C-alpha atoms as a PDB file:
ATOM      1  CA  MET A   1      25.671 -10.346  12.933  1.00  0.00           C
ATOM      2  CA  PRO A   2      25.813 -13.841  14.418  1.00  0.00           C
ATOM      3  CA  PRO A   3      25.475 -16.688  11.908  1.00  0.00           C
ATOM      4  CA  LEU A   4      22.687 -18.346  13.885  1.00  0.00           C
ATOM      5  CA  LEU A   5      20.573 -15.204  13.674  1.00  0.00           C
ATOM      6  CA  THR A   6      21.262 -14.976   9.938  1.00  0.00           C
ATOM      7  CA  LEU A   7      20.221 -18.613   9.462  1.00  0.00           C
ATOM      8  CA  THR A   8      17.066 -18.107  11.517  1.00  0.00           C
ATOM      9  CA  THR A   9      16.174 -14.999   9.536  1.00  0.00           C
ATOM     10  CA  THR A  10      16.693 -16.846   6.268  1.00  0.00           C
ATOM     11  CA  ILE A  11      14.498 -19.780   7.283  1.00  0.00           C
ATOM     12  CA  ALA A  12      11.790 -17.450   8.576  1.00  0.00           C
ATOM     13  CA  ALA A  13      11.840 -15.421   5.351  1.00  0.00           C
ATOM     14  CA  ILE A  14      11.578 -18.552   3.204  1.00  0.00           C
ATOM     15  CA  TYR A  15       8.622 -19.763   5.254  1.00  0.00           C
ATOM     16  CA  PHE A  16       6.998 -16.319   5.054  1.00  0.00           C
ATOM     17  CA  VAL A  17       7.325 -16.189   1.260  1.00  0.00           C
ATOM     18  CA  PHE A  18       6.041 -19.761   0.958  1.00  0.00           C
ATOM     19  CA  TYR A  19       3.052 -18.753   3.080  1.00  0.00           C
ATOM     20  CA  LEU A  20       2.451 -15.735   0.825  1.00  0.00           C
ATOM     21  CA  ILE A  21       2.541 -17.682  -2.452  1.00  0.00           C
ATOM     22  CA  ARG A  22       0.379 -20.545  -1.182  1.00  0.00           C
ATOM     23  CA  PRO A  23      -2.787 -19.252  -2.892  1.00  0.00           C
ATOM     24  CA  ILE A  24      -1.047 -19.015  -6.281  1.00  0.00           C
ATOM     25  CA  ASP A  25      -1.936 -22.021  -8.434  1.00  0.00           C
ATOM     26  CA  PHE A  26       1.254 -23.067 -10.192  1.00  0.00           C
ATOM     27  CA  GLY A  27      -0.678 -25.983 -11.655  1.00  0.00           C
ATOM     28  CA  LYS A  28      -2.063 -23.579 -14.266  1.00  0.00           C
ATOM     29  CA  LEU A  29       1.484 -22.845 -15.423  1.00  0.00           C
ATOM     30  CA  LEU A  30       2.375 -26.530 -15.610  1.00  0.00           C
ATOM     31  CA  PRO A  31      -0.917 -28.365 -16.109  1.00  0.00           C
ATOM     32  CA  LYS A  32       0.593 -31.652 -17.330  1.00  0.00           C
ATOM     33  CA  ASN A  33       2.715 -32.345 -14.272  1.00  0.00           C
ATOM     34  CA  PRO A  34       1.503 -31.204 -10.834  1.00  0.00           C
ATOM     35  CA  LEU A  35       4.693 -32.471  -9.174  1.00  0.00           C
ATOM     36  CA  GLN A  36       6.750 -30.000 -11.188  1.00  0.00           C
ATOM     37  CA  ALA A  37       4.330 -27.245 -10.177  1.00  0.00           C
ATOM     38  CA  ALA A  38       4.897 -28.091  -6.514  1.00  0.00           C
ATOM     39  CA  VAL A  39       8.669 -28.129  -7.001  1.00  0.00           C
ATOM     40  CA  LEU A  40       8.433 -24.780  -8.812  1.00  0.00           C
ATOM     41  CA  LYS A  41       6.550 -23.325  -5.846  1.00  0.00           C
ATOM     42  CA  VAL A  42       9.276 -24.484  -3.458  1.00  0.00           C
ATOM     43  CA  VAL A  43      12.046 -23.126  -5.685  1.00  0.00           C
ATOM     44  CA  VAL A  44      10.326 -19.755  -6.066  1.00  0.00           C
ATOM     45  CA  ALA A  45       9.694 -19.530  -2.320  1.00  0.00           C
ATOM     46  CA  THR A  46      13.301 -20.418  -1.537  1.00  0.00           C
ATOM     47  CA  SER A  47      14.714 -17.925  -4.030  1.00  0.00           C
ATOM     48  CA  LEU A  48      12.497 -15.019  -2.997  1.00  0.00           C
ATOM     49  CA  GLY A  49      12.853 -15.874   0.697  1.00  0.00           C
ATOM     50  CA  PHE A  50      16.629 -15.895   0.419  1.00  0.00           C
ATOM     51  CA  LEU A  51      16.584 -12.507  -1.330  1.00  0.00           C
ATOM     52  CA  LEU A  52      14.290 -11.107   1.353  1.00  0.00           C
ATOM     53  CA  ALA A  53      16.480 -12.463   4.143  1.00  0.00           C
ATOM     54  CA  THR A  54      19.630 -11.086   2.527  1.00  0.00           C
ATOM     55  CA  ALA A  55      18.047  -7.651   2.294  1.00  0.00           C
ATOM     56  CA  LEU A  56      16.856  -7.773   5.908  1.00  0.00           C
ATOM     57  CA  VAL A  57      20.240  -8.916   7.230  1.00  0.00           C
ATOM     58  CA  SER A  58      22.021  -6.225   5.215  1.00  0.00           C
ATOM     59  CA  LEU A  59      19.620  -3.594   6.496  1.00  0.00           C
ATOM     60  CA  LEU A  60      20.114  -4.747  10.077  1.00  0.00           C
ATOM     61  CA  ASN A  61      23.891  -4.737   9.713  1.00  0.00           C
ATOM     62  CA  SER A  62      23.765  -1.189   8.376  1.00  0.00           C
ATOM     63  CA  ALA A  63      21.502  -0.106  11.230  1.00  0.00           C
ATOM     64  CA  LEU A  64      23.853  -1.654  13.793  1.00  0.00           C
ATOM     65  CA  GLN A  65      26.865   0.144  12.314  1.00  0.00           C
ATOM     66  CA  LEU A  66      25.101   3.497  12.095  1.00  0.00           C
ATOM     67  CA  PRO A  67      25.762   4.688  15.682  1.00  0.00           C
ATOM     68  CA  GLY A  68      29.467   3.973  15.281  1.00  0.00           C
ATOM     69  CA  THR A  69      29.736   5.989  12.105  1.00  0.00           C
ATOM     70  CA  LEU A  70      27.748   8.922  13.509  1.00  0.00           C
ATOM     71  CA  LEU A  71      29.782   9.154  16.698  1.00  0.00           C
ATOM     72  CA  LYS A  72      33.190   8.537  15.079  1.00  0.00           C
ATOM     73  CA  ASP A  73      33.971  12.238  14.745  1.00  0.00           C
ATOM     74  CA  PHE A  74      33.483  12.986  18.438  1.00  0.00           C
END
């Protein structure tokens, strides 16, 4: 898979996860410092987005290799 497509998928997944966790109030977890709550939200979004992108890229790579493995015996 081309690196540019992998990078684009990763950035899109991070943005998607950040969009999903927007309604969660991390300020309740860290009530004394709202800046740390905002940083925590970014770190969580980046971590989960990267995991999602890695899974999607791995799934796509497997799907792209599938026809070659099925037709190898013929």
